[in-house]
Amino acid sequence: MKPATKRPAVVMPTVAEDKLITAAAKADPDAQPLTANQLQAMVPLESLRGRPKSENKNVA
């Protein structure tokens, strides 16, 4: 049995690297930040799962 392998350490970018990454992301026309209206319109995935609620409940 093989021993468990360690995950590589996560290396966080420096402040300068982070600024370059952010500037490149903002310059990309396909990756613009969401607007306040778009963020408010988001619905958690859990609320969309499952069968829709029926308006007419059968009561036996």
N, C-alpha and C. Protein backbone atom coordinates (compact mmCIF):
# COMPACT_ATOMS: atom_id res chain seq x y z
N MET A 1 0.85 -1.18 0.00
CA MET A 1 0.00 0.00 0.00
C MET A 1 0.89 1.24 0.00
N LYS A 2 0.56 2.19 -0.87
CA LYS A 2 1.35 3.41 -0.98
C LYS A 2 1.04 4.35 0.17
N PRO A 3 2.07 5.06 0.66
CA PRO A 3 1.78 6.06 1.70
C PRO A 3 1.02 7.24 1.07
N ALA A 4 0.22 7.90 1.87
CA ALA A 4 -0.55 9.05 1.40
C ALA A 4 0.40 10.15 0.95
N THR A 5 0.11 10.72 -0.20
CA THR A 5 0.96 11.79 -0.70
C THR A 5 0.50 13.12 -0.12
N LYS A 6 1.45 13.99 0.11
CA LYS A 6 1.11 15.31 0.62
C LYS A 6 0.72 16.20 -0.53
N ARG A 7 -0.21 17.06 -0.29
CA ARG A 7 -0.58 18.05 -1.29
C ARG A 7 0.49 19.12 -1.33
N PRO A 8 0.71 19.68 -2.53
CA PRO A 8 1.70 20.76 -2.58
C PRO A 8 1.20 21.99 -1.82
N ALA A 9 2.11 22.72 -1.26
CA ALA A 9 1.75 23.92 -0.50
C ALA A 9 1.19 24.97 -1.46
N VAL A 10 0.18 25.69 -1.01
CA VAL A 10 -0.40 26.77 -1.81
C VAL A 10 0.47 28.00 -1.64
N VAL A 11 0.90 28.56 -2.76
CA VAL A 11 1.73 29.75 -2.73
C VAL A 11 0.86 30.93 -3.14
N MET A 12 0.63 31.82 -2.23
CA MET A 12 -0.20 32.99 -2.49
C MET A 12 0.61 34.02 -3.28
N PRO A 13 -0.04 34.74 -4.20
CA PRO A 13 0.69 35.76 -4.96
C PRO A 13 1.08 36.94 -4.08
N THR A 14 2.13 37.60 -4.49
CA THR A 14 2.54 38.81 -3.77
C THR A 14 1.54 39.92 -4.11
N VAL A 15 1.64 41.04 -3.41
CA VAL A 15 0.74 42.17 -3.66
C VAL A 15 0.90 42.65 -5.10
N ALA A 16 2.13 42.72 -5.59
CA ALA A 16 2.37 43.18 -6.96
C ALA A 16 1.78 42.19 -7.96
N GLU A 17 1.98 40.89 -7.73
CA GLU A 17 1.41 39.87 -8.62
C GLU A 17 -0.11 39.92 -8.59
N ASP A 18 -0.68 40.13 -7.41
CA ASP A 18 -2.13 40.20 -7.28
C ASP A 18 -2.69 41.39 -8.06
N LYS A 19 -2.00 42.51 -8.03
CA LYS A 19 -2.44 43.68 -8.79
C LYS A 19 -2.40 43.41 -10.29
N LEU A 20 -1.35 42.73 -10.75
CA LEU A 20 -1.26 42.38 -12.17
C LEU A 20 -2.38 41.42 -12.58
N ILE A 21 -2.65 40.44 -11.74
CA ILE A 21 -3.72 39.47 -12.02
C ILE A 21 -5.07 40.17 -12.08
N THR A 22 -5.33 41.05 -11.12
CA THR A 22 -6.60 41.78 -11.07
C THR A 22 -6.75 42.69 -12.28
N ALA A 23 -5.68 43.38 -12.67
CA ALA A 23 -5.73 44.26 -13.84
C ALA A 23 -6.00 43.47 -15.11
N ALA A 24 -5.37 42.31 -15.24
CA ALA A 24 -5.58 41.47 -16.43
C ALA A 24 -7.02 40.96 -16.46
N ALA A 25 -7.57 40.59 -15.31
CA ALA A 25 -8.95 40.09 -15.26
C ALA A 25 -9.94 41.19 -15.61
N LYS A 26 -9.70 42.41 -15.12
CA LYS A 26 -10.61 43.52 -15.41
C LYS A 26 -10.52 43.96 -16.87
N ALA A 27 -9.37 43.74 -17.52
CA ALA A 27 -9.21 44.12 -18.92
C ALA A 27 -9.87 43.12 -19.87
N ASP A 28 -10.20 41.93 -19.38
CA ASP A 28 -10.81 40.90 -20.22
C ASP A 28 -12.29 41.21 -20.41
N PRO A 29 -12.74 41.48 -21.64
CA PRO A 29 -14.16 41.84 -21.84
C PRO A 29 -15.12 40.68 -21.56
N ASP A 30 -14.61 39.45 -21.56
CA ASP A 30 -15.48 38.29 -21.30
C ASP A 30 -15.57 37.96 -19.82
N ALA A 31 -14.84 38.64 -18.98
CA ALA A 31 -14.82 38.32 -17.55
C ALA A 31 -15.02 39.58 -16.72
N GLN A 32 -16.08 40.30 -16.99
CA GLN A 32 -16.35 41.53 -16.24
C GLN A 32 -17.00 41.18 -14.90
N PRO A 33 -16.77 41.99 -13.87
CA PRO A 33 -17.38 41.73 -12.56
C PRO A 33 -18.90 41.84 -12.65
N LEU A 34 -19.56 41.12 -11.77
CA LEU A 34 -21.02 41.16 -11.74
C LEU A 34 -21.50 42.49 -11.17
N THR A 35 -22.64 42.95 -11.67
CA THR A 35 -23.22 44.18 -11.14
C THR A 35 -23.96 43.87 -9.85
N ALA A 36 -24.35 44.90 -9.12
CA ALA A 36 -25.09 44.70 -7.87
C ALA A 36 -26.42 44.00 -8.14
N ASN A 37 -27.09 44.34 -9.25
CA ASN A 37 -28.36 43.69 -9.59
C ASN A 37 -28.16 42.21 -9.90
N GLN A 38 -27.08 41.87 -10.60
CA GLN A 38 -26.80 40.48 -10.91
C GLN A 38 -26.51 39.68 -9.64
N LEU A 39 -25.76 40.27 -8.73
CA LEU A 39 -25.46 39.59 -7.47
C LEU A 39 -26.72 39.37 -6.64
N GLN A 40 -27.62 40.35 -6.64
CA GLN A 40 -28.85 40.23 -5.86
C GLN A 40 -29.80 39.19 -6.47
N ALA A 41 -29.74 39.01 -7.79
CA ALA A 41 -30.62 38.07 -8.47
C ALA A 41 -30.17 36.62 -8.31
N MET A 42 -28.98 36.40 -7.80
CA MET A 42 -28.48 35.03 -7.65
C MET A 42 -29.28 34.29 -6.58
N VAL A 43 -29.50 33.00 -6.84
CA VAL A 43 -30.26 32.15 -5.93
C VAL A 43 -29.35 30.98 -5.54
N PRO A 44 -29.32 30.60 -4.27
CA PRO A 44 -28.51 29.45 -3.88
C PRO A 44 -28.95 28.19 -4.63
N LEU A 45 -28.01 27.35 -5.00
CA LEU A 45 -28.30 26.17 -5.79
C LEU A 45 -29.25 25.22 -5.07
N GLU A 46 -29.16 25.14 -3.74
CA GLU A 46 -30.02 24.22 -2.99
C GLU A 46 -31.50 24.53 -3.20
N SER A 47 -31.84 25.81 -3.39
CA SER A 47 -33.24 26.18 -3.53
C SER A 47 -33.78 25.80 -4.91
N LEU A 48 -32.93 25.49 -5.86
CA LEU A 48 -33.37 25.13 -7.20
C LEU A 48 -33.48 23.62 -7.39
N ARG A 49 -32.98 22.86 -6.45
CA ARG A 49 -32.96 21.41 -6.59
C ARG A 49 -34.28 20.80 -6.17
N GLY A 50 -34.56 19.64 -6.71
CA GLY A 50 -35.73 18.88 -6.30
C GLY A 50 -36.95 19.19 -7.15
N ARG A 51 -38.03 18.61 -6.77
CA ARG A 51 -39.27 18.73 -7.50
C ARG A 51 -39.97 20.04 -7.14
N PRO A 52 -40.59 20.71 -8.12
CA PRO A 52 -41.29 21.95 -7.80
C PRO A 52 -42.48 21.70 -6.88
N LYS A 53 -42.79 22.67 -6.04
CA LYS A 53 -43.93 22.55 -5.13
C LYS A 53 -45.22 22.67 -5.93
N SER A 54 -46.17 21.82 -5.61
CA SER A 54 -47.46 21.83 -6.32
C SER A 54 -48.37 22.90 -5.71
N GLU A 55 -49.13 23.57 -6.58
CA GLU A 55 -50.09 24.54 -6.10
C GLU A 55 -51.33 23.84 -5.53
N ASN A 56 -51.68 22.69 -6.09
CA ASN A 56 -52.86 21.92 -5.66
C ASN A 56 -52.39 20.69 -4.89
N LYS A 57 -52.46 20.76 -3.58
CA LYS A 57 -52.04 19.62 -2.77
C LYS A 57 -53.21 18.65 -2.64
N ASN A 58 -52.94 17.38 -2.88
CA ASN A 58 -53.96 16.35 -2.69
C ASN A 58 -54.06 16.05 -1.21
N VAL A 59 -55.22 16.23 -0.65
CA VAL A 59 -55.45 15.92 0.75
C VAL A 59 -56.40 14.74 0.79
N ALA A 60 -55.92 13.63 1.32
CA ALA A 60 -56.76 12.43 1.35
C ALA A 60 -57.36 12.21 2.71
